[in-house]
Amino acid sequence: MPRKIRRDSRTAIRKLPANTLNLILFTPEETTRPLPRTDARARHLLDVLQRRPGDTFDAGLRDGPRGKGTVVAVAADTIILNFTWGEVPPPPDPITLLIGLPRPQTARKILREATTLGVAALHFVQTDRGDAAYAASSLWTDGEWERHLVGGAEQAFCTRLPAVSHGLALATALAALPAGDHRLALDNYEAARPLSLAAPDTAGPLILAFGAERGWSAAERTRLRTAGFDLVHLGTRVLRLETAVIAALAVVKSRRGAM
């Protein structure tokens, strides 16, 4: 028979604290001044991690070293922190994602998860089957997108943030790509090979292109091929865009020996 859970055990489960951050990131300027108690990181330190003066926590500088932060003092409106820095994490894999601009809720997931998995750049582009209005979302206009990068890096215990752009036309983005990289475009309809066979097993620069949520148009497939992309697939099932991004990165990183 299944074991019964005692009432006090159920109560303990309900009272588990919020998710803790594996690393708390700061900009260089933020490390030189008190952190306001209203800052989400201050609330996390005091309320979730329950740090008090003299306690330490894992900290990092954006795109810089990791180290330890120490809570020096807690005042009514601020907390005073001190930092000791160690080594800088290695750069992310030289993988660039070219993604048809999706709905904001989808873009949020991709920004966070792709950062967690470690990519060098994310470019969200206007495509034939995407909605141009998505570029005017508050996700992009008020800086929210950067917060998702930070959250992804903190989850990964890494300080590295990818380069990000949004709103360029696909043709413009293709013209700006560097020469000498390996180029693969995910497609459900005309791809002849699976990504698992097409992905290189070396660690050189790689560009992975994904259409918007309704996929590529016929003209865009032609444009991609002209720009040197091979069309590849992830199998017979049609995946959500955010799932396809994660699955493709898992395949590619496995081929490169990075997972």
Protein backbone atom coordinates (compact mmCIF):
# COMPACT_ATOMS: atom_id res chain seq x y z
CA MET A 1 0.00 0.00 0.00
CA PRO A 2 1.21 3.55 -0.67
CA ARG A 3 2.73 5.26 2.29
CA LYS A 4 0.56 7.90 3.92
CA ILE A 5 1.96 11.39 4.24
CA ARG A 6 1.63 12.87 7.70
CA ARG A 7 -0.12 16.19 8.08
CA ASP A 8 3.08 17.95 9.22
CA SER A 9 4.85 16.69 6.06
CA ARG A 10 2.15 18.15 3.83
CA THR A 11 2.43 21.44 5.69
CA ALA A 12 6.19 21.48 5.16
CA ILE A 13 5.74 20.93 1.43
CA ARG A 14 3.37 23.86 1.16
CA LYS A 15 5.84 26.11 2.98
CA LEU A 16 8.86 25.45 0.78
CA PRO A 17 10.59 28.75 -0.12
CA ALA A 18 10.57 30.25 -3.56
CA ASN A 19 13.16 29.03 -6.07
CA THR A 20 16.63 30.11 -5.08
CA LEU A 21 19.04 31.67 -7.54
CA ASN A 22 22.19 29.68 -8.27
CA LEU A 23 24.10 32.92 -8.85
CA ILE A 24 23.22 36.59 -8.38
CA LEU A 25 24.52 38.89 -11.10
CA PHE A 26 25.52 42.54 -10.76
CA THR A 27 26.88 45.23 -13.03
CA PRO A 28 30.23 46.77 -12.01
CA GLU A 29 28.48 50.02 -11.04
CA GLU A 30 26.07 48.19 -8.72
CA THR A 31 28.92 46.70 -6.70
CA THR A 32 30.13 50.17 -5.64
CA ARG A 33 26.92 51.35 -3.98
CA PRO A 34 24.33 50.06 -1.50
CA LEU A 35 21.62 47.82 -2.92
CA PRO A 36 18.09 49.16 -2.29
CA ARG A 37 15.89 46.89 -0.19
CA THR A 38 13.26 47.21 -2.95
CA ASP A 39 15.60 45.51 -5.45
CA ALA A 40 14.50 41.93 -6.22
CA ARG A 41 18.03 40.69 -5.46
CA ALA A 42 17.95 42.28 -2.02
CA ARG A 43 14.59 40.69 -1.28
CA HIS A 44 15.95 37.35 -2.50
CA LEU A 45 19.02 37.60 -0.29
CA LEU A 46 17.08 38.54 2.82
CA ASP A 47 13.78 36.69 2.43
CA VAL A 48 14.60 33.59 0.39
CA LEU A 49 18.27 32.92 1.13
CA GLN A 50 17.82 34.47 4.61
CA ARG A 51 21.27 36.00 4.58
CA ARG A 52 22.28 38.23 7.47
CA PRO A 53 25.34 40.43 8.10
CA GLY A 54 28.46 38.32 7.77
CA ASP A 55 26.82 35.72 5.50
CA THR A 56 28.08 35.03 1.98
CA PHE A 57 26.41 34.12 -1.31
CA ASP A 58 27.43 33.25 -4.88
CA ALA A 59 27.76 36.37 -7.03
CA GLY A 60 28.96 37.33 -10.46
CA LEU A 61 29.71 40.33 -12.64
CA ARG A 62 27.87 40.35 -15.96
CA ASP A 63 30.25 38.93 -18.56
CA GLY A 64 32.93 38.95 -15.88
CA PRO A 65 34.19 36.84 -13.00
CA ARG A 66 32.27 34.80 -10.48
CA GLY A 67 32.98 35.12 -6.79
CA LYS A 68 31.49 35.57 -3.37
CA GLY A 69 29.35 38.40 -2.05
CA THR A 70 29.15 39.19 1.65
CA VAL A 71 26.30 40.95 3.41
CA VAL A 72 28.09 43.65 5.41
CA ALA A 73 25.10 45.48 6.88
CA VAL A 74 21.33 45.66 6.57
CA ALA A 75 19.78 49.12 6.92
CA ALA A 76 16.17 50.27 6.74
CA ASP A 77 16.29 51.05 3.02
CA THR A 78 19.48 49.40 1.74
CA ILE A 79 21.87 46.53 2.25
CA ILE A 80 25.63 46.93 2.08
CA LEU A 81 27.52 44.24 0.15
CA ASN A 82 31.16 43.43 -0.37
CA PHE A 83 32.57 41.24 -3.15
CA THR A 84 35.58 39.01 -3.74
CA TRP A 85 36.08 37.92 -7.34
CA GLY A 86 37.63 34.78 -8.79
CA GLU A 87 37.99 33.46 -12.33
CA VAL A 88 36.04 34.50 -15.42
CA PRO A 89 33.92 31.64 -16.86
CA PRO A 90 34.82 30.46 -20.38
CA PRO A 91 32.97 32.09 -23.28
CA PRO A 92 29.79 30.42 -24.54
CA ASP A 93 29.82 28.07 -27.50
CA PRO A 94 30.07 30.03 -30.78
CA ILE A 95 26.45 29.26 -31.66
CA THR A 96 24.21 31.97 -33.11
CA LEU A 97 20.44 31.55 -33.22
CA LEU A 98 18.50 33.29 -35.99
CA ILE A 99 14.82 33.15 -35.01
CA GLY A 100 11.68 34.40 -36.69
CA LEU A 101 10.25 36.97 -34.27
CA PRO A 102 7.68 35.06 -32.20
CA ARG A 103 4.96 36.00 -29.77
CA PRO A 104 6.40 37.76 -26.71
CA GLN A 105 5.54 34.88 -24.37
CA THR A 106 7.48 32.52 -26.63
CA ALA A 107 10.41 34.91 -26.96
CA ARG A 108 10.66 35.15 -23.17
CA LYS A 109 11.12 31.39 -22.87
CA ILE A 110 13.70 31.30 -25.65
CA LEU A 111 15.70 34.19 -24.21
CA ARG A 112 15.96 32.51 -20.84
CA GLU A 113 16.51 28.91 -21.91
CA ALA A 114 18.97 29.66 -24.72
CA THR A 115 21.02 31.72 -22.28
CA THR A 116 20.93 28.89 -19.76
CA LEU A 117 22.14 26.42 -22.41
CA GLY A 118 24.86 28.84 -23.52
CA VAL A 119 24.81 30.52 -26.93
CA ALA A 120 26.83 33.44 -28.23
CA ALA A 121 24.03 35.40 -29.92
CA LEU A 122 20.27 35.54 -30.44
CA HIS A 123 18.82 37.45 -33.38
CA PHE A 124 15.04 37.72 -33.63
CA VAL A 125 14.15 38.67 -37.20
CA GLN A 126 11.06 39.71 -39.13
CA THR A 127 9.81 36.90 -41.37
CA ASP A 128 7.02 36.49 -43.93
CA ARG A 129 4.81 34.45 -41.62
CA GLY A 130 5.54 36.34 -38.43
CA ASP A 131 3.65 39.31 -37.00
CA ALA A 132 5.58 42.58 -37.31
CA ALA A 133 3.65 43.97 -34.34
CA TYR A 134 5.54 41.66 -31.98
CA ALA A 135 8.58 43.94 -32.33
CA ALA A 136 6.65 46.71 -30.53
CA SER A 137 5.97 44.54 -27.47
CA SER A 138 7.04 45.91 -24.10
CA LEU A 139 9.34 42.89 -23.92
CA TRP A 140 11.60 44.73 -26.36
CA THR A 141 10.77 48.37 -25.68
CA ASP A 142 11.26 48.56 -21.89
CA GLY A 143 14.33 46.34 -21.52
CA GLU A 144 12.48 43.34 -20.16
CA TRP A 145 14.32 41.05 -22.59
CA GLU A 146 17.57 41.66 -20.72
CA ARG A 147 16.07 40.45 -17.46
CA HIS A 148 15.37 37.07 -19.06
CA LEU A 149 18.99 36.81 -20.14
CA VAL A 150 20.12 37.53 -16.60
CA GLY A 151 17.70 34.94 -15.21
CA GLY A 152 18.99 32.34 -17.64
CA ALA A 153 22.62 33.04 -16.77
CA GLU A 154 21.91 32.95 -13.03
CA GLN A 155 20.21 29.59 -13.47
CA ALA A 156 23.27 28.27 -15.32
CA PHE A 157 25.68 29.57 -12.65
CA CYS A 158 27.36 31.60 -15.36
CA THR A 159 28.01 35.29 -15.94
CA ARG A 160 27.97 35.18 -19.75
CA LEU A 161 25.10 36.88 -21.58
CA PRO A 162 24.51 36.42 -25.33
CA ALA A 163 24.37 39.30 -27.77
CA VAL A 164 20.76 40.04 -28.74
CA SER A 165 19.04 41.91 -31.56
CA HIS A 166 15.44 42.07 -32.69
CA GLY A 167 13.33 43.45 -35.50
CA LEU A 168 15.73 43.24 -38.47
CA ALA A 169 14.40 41.84 -41.72
CA LEU A 170 15.58 38.31 -42.47
CA ALA A 171 17.42 39.46 -45.62
CA THR A 172 19.27 42.14 -43.65
CA ALA A 173 20.23 39.69 -40.92
CA LEU A 174 21.48 37.14 -43.44
CA ALA A 175 23.63 39.74 -45.17
CA ALA A 176 25.26 40.65 -41.85
CA LEU A 177 26.26 37.10 -40.91
CA PRO A 178 30.01 36.46 -40.76
CA ALA A 179 31.63 34.30 -43.41
CA GLY A 180 33.10 30.89 -42.70
CA ASP A 181 30.44 29.55 -40.35
CA HIS A 182 28.35 26.38 -40.61
CA ARG A 183 24.70 27.20 -41.40
CA LEU A 184 21.64 25.03 -40.68
CA ALA A 185 17.96 26.01 -40.88
CA LEU A 186 15.26 23.98 -39.16
CA ASP A 187 12.31 23.17 -41.42
CA ASN A 188 9.41 20.72 -41.16
CA TYR A 189 8.58 20.47 -44.85
CA GLU A 190 11.55 20.41 -47.22
CA ALA A 191 14.44 19.32 -45.01
CA ALA A 192 16.12 16.15 -46.27
CA ARG A 193 18.36 15.31 -43.30
CA PRO A 194 17.93 15.22 -39.53
CA LEU A 195 19.86 17.72 -37.48
CA SER A 196 21.50 14.84 -35.61
CA LEU A 197 23.35 13.86 -38.81
CA ALA A 198 23.93 17.34 -40.22
CA ALA A 199 25.27 19.07 -37.11
CA PRO A 200 29.07 19.31 -37.07
CA ASP A 201 30.98 17.46 -34.38
CA THR A 202 33.54 20.25 -34.03
CA ALA A 203 33.35 23.39 -31.93
CA GLY A 204 33.54 25.96 -34.73
CA PRO A 205 31.02 28.77 -35.36
CA LEU A 206 27.51 27.55 -36.11
CA ILE A 207 24.31 29.38 -37.06
CA LEU A 208 20.95 27.74 -36.41
CA ALA A 209 17.92 29.36 -38.06
CA PHE A 210 14.32 28.85 -36.93
CA GLY A 211 11.23 30.18 -38.63
CA ALA A 212 8.54 32.01 -36.72
CA GLU A 213 5.74 29.95 -35.14
CA ARG A 214 4.16 29.31 -38.56
CA GLY A 215 7.46 28.36 -40.17
CA TRP A 216 9.31 29.59 -43.26
CA SER A 217 7.70 30.75 -46.48
CA ALA A 218 8.78 29.25 -49.81
CA ALA A 219 10.65 32.45 -50.66
CA GLU A 220 12.50 32.35 -47.35
CA ARG A 221 13.61 28.75 -47.95
CA THR A 222 15.09 29.89 -51.24
CA ARG A 223 16.75 32.85 -49.54
CA LEU A 224 18.22 30.63 -46.83
CA ARG A 225 19.60 28.15 -49.34
CA THR A 226 21.13 30.99 -51.34
CA ALA A 227 22.78 32.22 -48.15
CA GLY A 228 24.41 28.82 -47.63
CA PHE A 229 21.97 27.18 -45.21
CA ASP A 230 21.15 23.48 -45.33
CA LEU A 231 17.57 22.62 -44.35
CA VAL A 232 17.40 20.05 -41.54
CA HIS A 233 14.69 18.65 -39.28
CA LEU A 234 14.14 17.32 -35.76
CA GLY A 235 11.96 14.40 -36.79
CA THR A 236 8.37 13.90 -37.89
CA ARG A 237 6.69 15.72 -35.01
CA VAL A 238 5.87 19.42 -35.21
CA LEU A 239 7.29 21.14 -32.12
CA ARG A 240 6.55 24.45 -30.52
CA LEU A 241 9.20 26.98 -31.41
CA GLU A 242 10.62 27.19 -27.89
CA THR A 243 10.77 23.38 -27.71
CA ALA A 244 12.49 23.18 -31.09
CA VAL A 245 15.15 25.66 -29.96
CA ILE A 246 15.93 23.66 -26.82
CA ALA A 247 15.88 20.33 -28.66
CA ALA A 248 18.13 21.62 -31.44
CA LEU A 249 20.65 23.06 -28.98
CA ALA A 250 20.69 19.75 -27.09
CA VAL A 251 21.42 17.86 -30.31
CA VAL A 252 24.11 20.29 -31.43
CA LYS A 253 25.84 20.45 -28.06
CA SER A 254 25.77 16.68 -27.77
CA ARG A 255 27.46 16.41 -31.16
CA ARG A 256 30.09 18.89 -30.03
CA GLY A 257 30.68 16.99 -26.79
CA ALA A 258 29.39 19.87 -24.69
CA MET A 259 26.56 17.99 -22.96
